[in-house]
Amino acid sequence: MVLTRIGARPINITCHLAIEAVTTALSMHGNCRGLLVVRRKISANLRASDHGYRGTYVGPSGQSSTLAGNRRGNAINLGVRWARVTNGDRAAKMTIERIGNDRLRLQTVDNDPASGKSVVTSRIDLSR
Protein backbone atom coordinates (compact mmCIF):
# COMPACT_ATOMS: atom_id res chain seq x y z
CA MET A 1 0.00 0.00 0.00
CA VAL A 2 1.26 3.44 -0.94
CA LEU A 3 -0.22 6.91 -0.57
CA THR A 4 0.65 9.29 -3.39
CA ARG A 5 -0.12 12.11 -0.94
CA ILE A 6 -1.57 12.27 2.57
CA GLY A 7 -5.34 12.17 2.38
CA ALA A 8 -5.44 10.35 -0.97
CA ARG A 9 -6.82 6.85 -1.43
CA PRO A 10 -4.18 4.14 -0.85
CA ILE A 11 -2.89 2.31 -3.90
CA ASN A 12 -2.22 -1.42 -3.62
CA ILE A 13 1.11 -2.34 -5.14
CA THR A 14 3.06 -5.47 -5.99
CA CYS A 15 6.84 -5.43 -5.71
CA HIS A 16 9.56 -7.77 -6.92
CA LEU A 17 12.88 -7.09 -5.20
CA ALA A 18 16.26 -8.78 -5.09
CA ILE A 19 17.58 -8.59 -1.54
CA GLU A 20 21.16 -9.15 -0.44
CA ALA A 21 22.00 -9.13 3.26
CA VAL A 22 25.26 -9.72 5.09
CA THR A 23 26.26 -8.91 8.65
CA THR A 24 27.05 -5.25 7.96
CA ALA A 25 24.98 -4.40 4.88
CA LEU A 26 21.54 -4.68 3.28
CA SER A 27 20.75 -4.01 -0.36
CA MET A 28 17.36 -4.13 -2.14
CA HIS A 29 16.70 -3.43 -5.82
CA GLY A 30 13.59 -4.03 -7.89
CA ASN A 31 10.30 -2.80 -9.26
CA CYS A 32 6.88 -2.02 -7.84
CA ARG A 33 3.68 -1.92 -9.85
CA GLY A 34 0.40 -0.23 -9.01
CA LEU A 35 -2.82 0.54 -10.85
CA LEU A 36 -1.94 -2.20 -13.38
CA VAL A 37 0.04 0.19 -15.58
CA VAL A 38 2.37 2.22 -13.36
CA ARG A 39 5.75 0.60 -12.76
CA ARG A 40 8.58 2.21 -10.75
CA LYS A 41 12.08 1.16 -9.75
CA ILE A 42 12.96 1.33 -6.06
CA SER A 43 16.15 0.54 -4.16
CA ALA A 44 17.69 0.83 -0.72
CA ASN A 45 21.29 0.38 0.35
CA LEU A 46 22.28 0.35 4.02
CA ARG A 47 25.60 -0.15 5.73
CA ALA A 48 26.10 -0.81 9.44
CA SER A 49 28.84 0.73 11.57
CA ASP A 50 29.53 1.30 15.25
CA HIS A 51 27.29 4.38 14.99
CA GLY A 52 24.23 2.66 13.46
CA TYR A 53 22.97 2.37 9.90
CA ARG A 54 23.43 4.81 7.03
CA GLY A 55 22.48 4.62 3.40
CA THR A 56 20.29 5.73 0.55
CA TYR A 57 16.78 5.08 -0.72
CA VAL A 58 15.60 5.68 -4.27
CA GLY A 59 11.82 5.68 -4.44
CA PRO A 60 9.29 6.16 -7.23
CA SER A 61 10.50 9.74 -7.90
CA GLY A 62 13.87 8.35 -8.98
CA GLN A 63 15.65 10.75 -6.62
CA SER A 64 18.07 9.55 -3.95
CA SER A 65 17.14 10.21 -0.31
CA THR A 66 19.37 9.64 2.71
CA LEU A 67 18.71 7.16 5.52
CA ALA A 68 20.23 7.04 9.02
CA GLY A 69 19.21 5.14 12.13
CA ASN A 70 19.63 2.20 14.47
CA ARG A 71 18.58 -1.36 14.93
CA ARG A 72 16.17 -2.45 17.65
CA GLY A 73 15.40 -6.18 17.75
CA ASN A 74 14.22 -7.31 14.31
CA ALA A 75 13.73 -3.76 13.04
CA ILE A 76 15.98 -1.08 11.60
CA ASN A 77 14.44 2.31 12.43
CA LEU A 78 15.58 5.05 10.07
CA GLY A 79 15.16 8.75 9.66
CA VAL A 80 14.61 9.72 6.03
CA ARG A 81 15.79 12.97 4.45
CA TRP A 82 13.83 13.18 1.20
CA ALA A 83 15.55 14.59 -1.88
CA ARG A 84 12.71 17.13 -2.19
CA VAL A 85 9.95 18.57 -0.01
CA THR A 86 7.31 15.90 0.62
CA ASN A 87 4.20 16.48 2.75
CA GLY A 88 5.45 19.90 3.80
CA ASP A 89 9.04 19.02 4.75
CA ARG A 90 11.94 16.71 3.90
CA ALA A 91 11.76 14.40 6.95
CA ALA A 92 10.01 11.05 7.51
CA LYS A 93 10.59 7.73 9.27
CA MET A 94 11.19 4.35 7.66
CA THR A 95 11.26 0.94 9.31
CA ILE A 96 12.64 -2.20 7.74
CA GLU A 97 11.44 -5.09 9.89
CA ARG A 98 11.99 -8.81 9.70
CA ILE A 99 8.69 -10.63 10.25
CA GLY A 100 9.24 -14.36 10.69
CA ASN A 101 11.82 -16.35 8.79
CA ASP A 102 10.92 -15.33 5.26
CA ARG A 103 9.20 -11.93 5.37
CA LEU A 104 10.24 -8.27 5.50
CA ARG A 105 8.10 -5.18 5.97
CA LEU A 106 9.14 -1.73 4.72
CA GLN A 107 7.03 1.00 6.25
CA THR A 108 7.25 4.76 5.87
CA VAL A 109 5.56 7.17 8.27
CA ASP A 110 5.25 10.90 7.67
CA ASN A 111 3.53 13.78 9.47
CA ASP A 112 0.33 15.19 8.04
CA PRO A 113 1.03 18.94 7.79
CA ALA A 114 -2.68 19.75 8.31
CA SER A 115 -3.23 17.73 11.51
CA GLY A 116 0.31 17.11 12.78
CA LYS A 117 -0.54 13.40 13.15
CA SER A 118 1.68 10.55 11.99
CA VAL A 119 0.38 8.77 8.88
CA VAL A 120 1.60 5.50 7.34
CA THR A 121 2.40 6.58 3.79
CA SER A 122 3.66 3.19 2.56
CA ARG A 123 3.65 -0.38 3.81
CA ILE A 124 5.29 -2.98 1.61
CA ASP A 125 5.29 -6.59 2.80
CA LEU A 126 7.84 -8.81 1.09
CA SER A 127 8.03 -12.59 1.22
CA ARG A 128 10.17 -15.27 -0.35
C-alpha atoms as a PDB file:
ATOM      1  CA  MET A   1       0.000   0.000   0.000  1.00  0.00           C
ATOM      2  CA  VAL A   2       1.261   3.445  -0.944  1.00  0.00           C
ATOM      3  CA  LEU A   3      -0.222   6.915  -0.566  1.00  0.00           C
ATOM      4  CA  THR A   4       0.649   9.288  -3.391  1.00  0.00           C
ATOM      5  CA  ARG A   5      -0.121  12.110  -0.939  1.00  0.00           C
ATOM      6  CA  ILE A   6      -1.567  12.272   2.572  1.00  0.00           C
ATOM      7  CA  GLY A   7      -5.341  12.168   2.380  1.00  0.00           C
ATOM      8  CA  ALA A   8      -5.438  10.352  -0.975  1.00  0.00           C
ATOM      9  CA  ARG A   9      -6.818   6.846  -1.429  1.00  0.00           C
ATOM     10  CA  PRO A  10      -4.182   4.145  -0.849  1.00  0.00           C
ATOM     11  CA  ILE A  11      -2.887   2.309  -3.905  1.00  0.00           C
ATOM     12  CA  ASN A  12      -2.222  -1.417  -3.617  1.00  0.00           C
ATOM     13  CA  ILE A  13       1.105  -2.342  -5.143  1.00  0.00           C
ATOM     14  CA  THR A  14       3.060  -5.467  -5.992  1.00  0.00           C
ATOM     15  CA  CYS A  15       6.837  -5.428  -5.715  1.00  0.00           C
ATOM     16  CA  HIS A  16       9.557  -7.773  -6.917  1.00  0.00           C
ATOM     17  CA  LEU A  17      12.879  -7.092  -5.196  1.00  0.00           C
ATOM     18  CA  ALA A  18      16.258  -8.785  -5.094  1.00  0.00           C
ATOM     19  CA  ILE A  19      17.580  -8.587  -1.538  1.00  0.00           C
ATOM     20  CA  GLU A  20      21.156  -9.146  -0.443  1.00  0.00           C
ATOM     21  CA  ALA A  21      22.001  -9.126   3.262  1.00  0.00           C
ATOM     22  CA  VAL A  22      25.257  -9.718   5.092  1.00  0.00           C
ATOM     23  CA  THR A  23      26.257  -8.907   8.648  1.00  0.00           C
ATOM     24  CA  THR A  24      27.047  -5.251   7.962  1.00  0.00           C
ATOM     25  CA  ALA A  25      24.980  -4.399   4.879  1.00  0.00           C
ATOM     26  CA  LEU A  26      21.544  -4.676   3.284  1.00  0.00           C
ATOM     27  CA  SER A  27      20.752  -4.007  -0.359  1.00  0.00           C
ATOM     28  CA  MET A  28      17.365  -4.129  -2.138  1.00  0.00           C
ATOM     29  CA  HIS A  29      16.698  -3.427  -5.815  1.00  0.00           C
ATOM     30  CA  GLY A  30      13.591  -4.029  -7.885  1.00  0.00           C
ATOM     31  CA  ASN A  31      10.302  -2.803  -9.262  1.00  0.00           C
ATOM     32  CA  CYS A  32       6.880  -2.020  -7.841  1.00  0.00           C
ATOM     33  CA  ARG A  33       3.678  -1.917  -9.852  1.00  0.00           C
ATOM     34  CA  GLY A  34       0.402  -0.227  -9.005  1.00  0.00           C
ATOM     35  CA  LEU A  35      -2.823   0.539 -10.853  1.00  0.00           C
ATOM     36  CA  LEU A  36      -1.936  -2.197 -13.385  1.00  0.00           C
ATOM     37  CA  VAL A  37       0.037   0.192 -15.583  1.00  0.00           C
ATOM     38  CA  VAL A  38       2.373   2.215 -13.364  1.00  0.00           C
ATOM     39  CA  ARG A  39       5.754   0.602 -12.758  1.00  0.00           C
ATOM     40  CA  ARG A  40       8.581   2.212 -10.752  1.00  0.00           C
ATOM     41  CA  LYS A  41      12.075   1.161  -9.746  1.00  0.00           C
ATOM     42  CA  ILE A  42      12.959   1.327  -6.055  1.00  0.00           C
ATOM     43  CA  SER A  43      16.147   0.535  -4.163  1.00  0.00           C
ATOM     44  CA  ALA A  44      17.686   0.834  -0.723  1.00  0.00           C
ATOM     45  CA  ASN A  45      21.285   0.379   0.346  1.00  0.00           C
ATOM     46  CA  LEU A  46      22.284   0.346   4.018  1.00  0.00           C
ATOM     47  CA  ARG A  47      25.603  -0.149   5.727  1.00  0.00           C
ATOM     48  CA  ALA A  48      26.097  -0.806   9.436  1.00  0.00           C
ATOM     49  CA  SER A  49      28.836   0.727  11.567  1.00  0.00           C
ATOM     50  CA  ASP A  50      29.530   1.297  15.253  1.00  0.00           C
ATOM     51  CA  HIS A  51      27.288   4.377  14.990  1.00  0.00           C
ATOM     52  CA  GLY A  52      24.227   2.657  13.459  1.00  0.00           C
ATOM     53  CA  TYR A  53      22.974   2.372   9.897  1.00  0.00           C
ATOM     54  CA  ARG A  54      23.432   4.811   7.028  1.00  0.00           C
ATOM     55  CA  GLY A  55      22.484   4.616   3.399  1.00  0.00           C
ATOM     56  CA  THR A  56      20.291   5.725   0.546  1.00  0.00           C
ATOM     57  CA  TYR A  57      16.780   5.077  -0.725  1.00  0.00           C
ATOM     58  CA  VAL A  58      15.600   5.681  -4.269  1.00  0.00           C
ATOM     59  CA  GLY A  59      11.818   5.682  -4.437  1.00  0.00           C
ATOM     60  CA  PRO A  60       9.295   6.158  -7.230  1.00  0.00           C
ATOM     61  CA  SER A  61      10.499   9.737  -7.902  1.00  0.00           C
ATOM     62  CA  GLY A  62      13.875   8.348  -8.984  1.00  0.00           C
ATOM     63  CA  GLN A  63      15.645  10.753  -6.620  1.00  0.00           C
ATOM     64  CA  SER A  64      18.075   9.552  -3.951  1.00  0.00           C
ATOM     65  CA  SER A  65      17.141  10.209  -0.311  1.00  0.00           C
ATOM     66  CA  THR A  66      19.368   9.635   2.715  1.00  0.00           C
ATOM     67  CA  LEU A  67      18.709   7.162   5.523  1.00  0.00           C
ATOM     68  CA  ALA A  68      20.231   7.036   9.024  1.00  0.00           C
ATOM     69  CA  GLY A  69      19.207   5.137  12.128  1.00  0.00           C
ATOM     70  CA  ASN A  70      19.631   2.204  14.469  1.00  0.00           C
ATOM     71  CA  ARG A  71      18.582  -1.363  14.930  1.00  0.00           C
ATOM     72  CA  ARG A  72      16.172  -2.451  17.647  1.00  0.00           C
ATOM     73  CA  GLY A  73      15.400  -6.177  17.752  1.00  0.00           C
ATOM     74  CA  ASN A  74      14.219  -7.310  14.314  1.00  0.00           C
ATOM     75  CA  ALA A  75      13.730  -3.759  13.037  1.00  0.00           C
ATOM     76  CA  ILE A  76      15.979  -1.084  11.596  1.00  0.00           C
ATOM     77  CA  ASN A  77      14.444   2.312  12.428  1.00  0.00           C
ATOM     78  CA  LEU A  78      15.582   5.048  10.073  1.00  0.00           C
ATOM     79  CA  GLY A  79      15.163   8.753   9.660  1.00  0.00           C
ATOM     80  CA  VAL A  80      14.608   9.715   6.028  1.00  0.00           C
ATOM     81  CA  ARG A  81      15.794  12.970   4.452  1.00  0.00           C
ATOM     82  CA  TRP A  82      13.833  13.183   1.199  1.00  0.00           C
ATOM     83  CA  ALA A  83      15.547  14.591  -1.877  1.00  0.00           C
ATOM     84  CA  ARG A  84      12.712  17.135  -2.189  1.00  0.00           C
ATOM     85  CA  VAL A  85       9.950  18.574  -0.013  1.00  0.00           C
ATOM     86  CA  THR A  86       7.308  15.900   0.618  1.00  0.00           C
ATOM     87  CA  ASN A  87       4.205  16.484   2.755  1.00  0.00           C
ATOM     88  CA  GLY A  88       5.452  19.903   3.805  1.00  0.00           C
ATOM     89  CA  ASP A  89       9.036  19.016   4.753  1.00  0.00           C
ATOM     90  CA  ARG A  90      11.937  16.715   3.895  1.00  0.00           C
ATOM     91  CA  ALA A  91      11.759  14.403   6.947  1.00  0.00           C
ATOM     92  CA  ALA A  92      10.008  11.054   7.509  1.00  0.00           C
ATOM     93  CA  LYS A  93      10.593   7.734   9.265  1.00  0.00           C
ATOM     94  CA  MET A  94      11.186   4.354   7.665  1.00  0.00           C
ATOM     95  CA  THR A  95      11.256   0.941   9.313  1.00  0.00           C
ATOM     96  CA  ILE A  96      12.645  -2.201   7.737  1.00  0.00           C
ATOM     97  CA  GLU A  97      11.444  -5.089   9.888  1.00  0.00           C
ATOM     98  CA  ARG A  98      11.994  -8.813   9.703  1.00  0.00           C
ATOM     99  CA  ILE A  99       8.695 -10.631  10.252  1.00  0.00           C
ATOM    100  CA  GLY A 100       9.239 -14.361  10.692  1.00  0.00           C
ATOM    101  CA  ASN A 101      11.816 -16.348   8.789  1.00  0.00           C
ATOM    102  CA  ASP A 102      10.919 -15.335   5.260  1.00  0.00           C
ATOM    103  CA  ARG A 103       9.203 -11.931   5.370  1.00  0.00           C
ATOM    104  CA  LEU A 104      10.245  -8.271   5.505  1.00  0.00           C
ATOM    105  CA  ARG A 105       8.103  -5.178   5.974  1.00  0.00           C
ATOM    106  CA  LEU A 106       9.139  -1.733   4.716  1.00  0.00           C
ATOM    107  CA  GLN A 107       7.029   0.998   6.248  1.00  0.00           C
ATOM    108  CA  THR A 108       7.253   4.763   5.868  1.00  0.00           C
ATOM    109  CA  VAL A 109       5.562   7.175   8.270  1.00  0.00           C
ATOM    110  CA  ASP A 110       5.253  10.904   7.671  1.00  0.00           C
ATOM    111  CA  ASN A 111       3.535  13.777   9.472  1.00  0.00           C
ATOM    112  CA  ASP A 112       0.332  15.189   8.042  1.00  0.00           C
ATOM    113  CA  PRO A 113       1.027  18.940   7.795  1.00  0.00           C
ATOM    114  CA  ALA A 114      -2.678  19.745   8.309  1.00  0.00           C
ATOM    115  CA  SER A 115      -3.226  17.731  11.510  1.00  0.00           C
ATOM    116  CA  GLY A 116       0.313  17.112  12.779  1.00  0.00           C
ATOM    117  CA  LYS A 117      -0.543  13.397  13.147  1.00  0.00           C
ATOM    118  CA  SER A 118       1.681  10.547  11.995  1.00  0.00           C
ATOM    119  CA  VAL A 119       0.384   8.769   8.878  1.00  0.00           C
ATOM    120  CA  VAL A 120       1.602   5.498   7.335  1.00  0.00           C
ATOM    121  CA  THR A 121       2.401   6.576   3.791  1.00  0.00           C
ATOM    122  CA  SER A 122       3.660   3.189   2.564  1.00  0.00           C
ATOM    123  CA  ARG A 123       3.647  -0.380   3.813  1.00  0.00           C
ATOM    124  CA  ILE A 124       5.293  -2.980   1.615  1.00  0.00           C
ATOM    125  CA  ASP A 125       5.289  -6.590   2.800  1.00  0.00           C
ATOM    126  CA  LEU A 126       7.844  -8.813   1.087  1.00  0.00           C
ATOM    127  CA  SER A 127       8.026 -12.593   1.218  1.00  0.00           C
ATOM    128  CA  ARG A 128      10.166 -15.274  -0.351  1.00  0.00           C
END
